[in-house]
Protein backbone atom coordinates (compact mmCIF):
# COMPACT_ATOMS: atom_id res chain seq x y z
CA UNK A 1 -4.87 -22.69 5.32
CA UNK A 2 -5.03 -20.07 2.34
CA UNK A 3 -6.97 -17.43 1.98
CA UNK A 4 -7.45 -14.94 -0.52
CA UNK A 5 -9.91 -11.43 -0.77
CA UNK A 6 -9.83 -8.20 -1.71
CA UNK A 7 -10.12 -5.37 -0.46
CA UNK A 8 -11.45 -2.18 -1.42
CA UNK A 9 -10.22 1.35 -0.19
CA UNK A 10 -12.05 4.38 0.09
CA UNK A 11 -10.86 6.93 -2.34
CA UNK A 12 -8.04 9.31 -0.90
CA UNK A 13 -6.54 12.47 -1.60
CA UNK A 14 -2.93 12.26 -3.42
CA UNK A 15 -0.40 11.16 -0.28
CA UNK A 16 0.68 8.58 1.80
CA UNK A 17 -1.96 6.70 3.62
CA UNK A 18 -1.97 4.41 6.92
CA UNK A 19 -3.82 1.45 5.96
CA UNK A 20 -2.50 -1.63 8.57
CA UNK A 21 -5.91 -1.73 10.30
CA UNK A 22 -7.85 -2.16 7.55
CA UNK A 23 -5.91 -4.91 5.98
CA UNK A 24 -6.25 -6.43 9.60
CA UNK A 25 -9.69 -6.53 9.64
CA UNK A 26 -10.45 -7.45 6.24
CA UNK A 27 -9.04 -10.53 7.27
CA UNK A 28 -10.01 -11.48 10.99
CA UNK A 29 -8.43 -15.14 10.44
CA UNK A 30 -4.95 -13.39 10.65
CA UNK A 31 -5.79 -14.40 15.00
CA UNK A 32 -5.96 -18.00 14.37
CA UNK A 33 -2.25 -18.19 12.42
CA UNK A 34 0.42 -19.87 14.50
CA UNK A 35 3.02 -18.84 11.31
CA UNK A 36 2.48 -17.70 7.88
CA UNK A 37 2.52 -14.76 4.83
CA UNK A 38 0.38 -12.10 3.90
CA UNK A 39 0.98 -11.62 0.28
CA UNK A 40 -0.55 -7.79 -1.00
CA UNK A 41 -0.85 -6.55 -4.09
CA UNK A 42 -2.32 -3.51 -5.40
CA UNK A 43 -4.28 -3.50 -8.75
CA UNK A 44 -3.15 -0.22 -10.07
CA UNK A 45 -0.51 1.49 -11.93
CA UNK A 46 -0.83 5.01 -10.16
CA UNK A 47 -0.40 3.59 -6.75
CA UNK A 48 1.02 1.90 -4.60
CA UNK A 49 2.26 0.04 -1.30
CA UNK A 50 5.06 0.66 1.27
CA UNK A 51 6.05 0.11 4.68
CA UNK A 52 7.30 3.13 6.71
CA UNK A 53 6.88 4.94 10.02
CA UNK A 54 3.28 4.08 11.62
CA UNK A 55 3.37 6.76 14.48
CA UNK A 56 4.29 10.53 13.14
CA UNK A 57 2.19 11.63 10.07
CA UNK A 58 5.15 14.47 9.38
CA UNK A 59 6.42 11.27 7.66
CA UNK A 60 3.79 10.69 5.27
CA UNK A 61 3.81 14.37 4.35
CA UNK A 62 7.54 14.41 3.80
CA UNK A 63 7.07 11.45 1.47
CA UNK A 64 4.64 13.28 -0.24
CA UNK A 65 6.74 16.13 -0.73
CA UNK A 66 9.98 14.53 -1.98
CA UNK A 67 8.45 11.99 -4.56
CA UNK A 68 6.27 15.22 -5.70
CA UNK A 69 9.47 17.23 -6.21
CA UNK A 70 11.70 14.21 -7.42
CA UNK A 71 8.98 13.22 -10.08
CA UNK A 72 7.36 16.77 -10.94
CA UNK A 73 4.53 16.87 -13.23
CA UNK A 74 5.26 19.38 -15.60
CA UNK A 75 8.18 18.12 -16.65
CA UNK A 76 8.92 19.23 -20.09
CA UNK A 77 10.06 15.47 -21.02
CA UNK A 78 6.58 13.78 -20.22
CA UNK A 79 4.87 12.37 -23.57
CA UNK A 80 2.24 10.13 -22.01
CA UNK A 81 0.28 13.33 -20.91
CA UNK A 82 -3.28 12.18 -22.57
CA UNK A 83 -4.56 11.37 -19.16
CA UNK A 84 -3.36 14.45 -17.49
CA UNK A 85 -0.30 16.62 -15.91
CA UNK A 86 -0.43 13.69 -12.58
CA UNK A 87 -0.77 10.82 -14.88
CA UNK A 88 2.96 10.06 -15.87
CA UNK A 89 4.53 10.88 -12.86
CA UNK A 90 2.35 8.75 -10.95
CA UNK A 91 2.94 5.50 -12.96
CA UNK A 92 6.83 6.28 -12.23
CA UNK A 93 6.10 6.95 -8.47
CA UNK A 94 4.10 3.68 -8.44
CA UNK A 95 7.07 1.74 -10.05
CA UNK A 96 9.50 3.27 -8.16
CA UNK A 97 7.87 2.13 -4.55
CA UNK A 98 6.18 -0.98 -5.67
CA UNK A 99 2.78 -2.97 -6.36
CA UNK A 100 3.11 -5.68 -3.29
CA UNK A 101 4.10 -6.00 -0.15
CA UNK A 102 5.09 -9.50 1.84
CA UNK A 103 4.52 -9.53 5.46
CA UNK A 104 4.86 -12.43 7.76
CA UNK A 105 2.80 -13.73 10.28
CA UNK A 106 3.20 -15.05 13.66
CA UNK A 107 1.40 -15.75 16.94
CA UNK A 108 -2.02 -14.36 15.10
CA UNK A 109 -0.54 -10.61 14.14
CA UNK A 110 1.30 -9.48 11.31
CA UNK A 111 5.06 -9.31 12.70
CA UNK A 112 5.60 -5.53 11.94
CA UNK A 113 8.50 -3.60 13.72
CA UNK A 114 7.07 -1.48 16.55
CA UNK A 115 7.08 1.87 14.27
CA UNK A 116 5.92 0.11 11.01
CA UNK A 117 3.01 0.83 9.36
CA UNK A 118 1.63 -0.18 5.95
CA UNK A 119 1.00 2.75 3.48
CA UNK A 120 -1.29 3.19 0.74
CA UNK A 121 0.20 5.67 -1.36
CA UNK A 122 -1.68 7.25 -3.81
CA UNK A 123 -0.09 8.94 -6.70
CA UNK A 124 -3.08 10.77 -8.76
CA UNK A 125 -4.70 14.37 -7.57
CA UNK A 126 -7.98 12.88 -8.05
CA UNK A 127 -8.29 9.41 -7.91
CA UNK A 128 -10.76 7.01 -7.06
CA UNK A 129 -11.11 3.89 -5.18
CA UNK A 130 -8.26 1.42 -4.83
CA UNK A 131 -8.28 -2.14 -5.02
CA UNK A 132 -5.35 -4.75 -2.90
CA UNK A 133 -5.41 -8.05 -3.11
CA UNK A 134 -4.86 -9.84 0.43
CA UNK A 135 -3.62 -13.65 0.18
CA UNK A 136 -2.64 -15.17 4.06
CA UNK A 137 -1.03 -18.14 3.90
CA UNK A 138 -0.49 -19.96 6.96
CA UNK A 139 -0.91 -22.59 9.58
CA UNK A 140 -3.37 -22.12 11.93
CA UNK A 141 -2.73 -22.41 16.02
CA UNK A 142 -3.04 -26.24 17.14
CA UNK A 143 -2.64 -27.55 13.55
């Protein structure tokens, strides 16, 4: 079985946001997959995807603080500034974290660890909605 669809995420403020449920809701076919893989690809250069802590929101806040300090907006060496002071830092952060994830599937669910969740990492101050291409490949139960 192969399924591909685009998940349109609503605009969010800058930060790290759990989107695991939205991904699962976009693919009801997950429940029929015995074994497979889910590939997620964000179609943007100023946002990224990653996996991390899904229970304590302070982890997401700490991620934002760390990346904001590590890749500052007002660096004197930025030359790409025509789209605002947060644009070039957003590109750097996106490259550091990445545009895609691969998650194994088994027995009808994402095989995430107990404390793992899928993050949308929004690196712009005033971002719009984001598109994530979801590609499911797997063997359906009973095949």
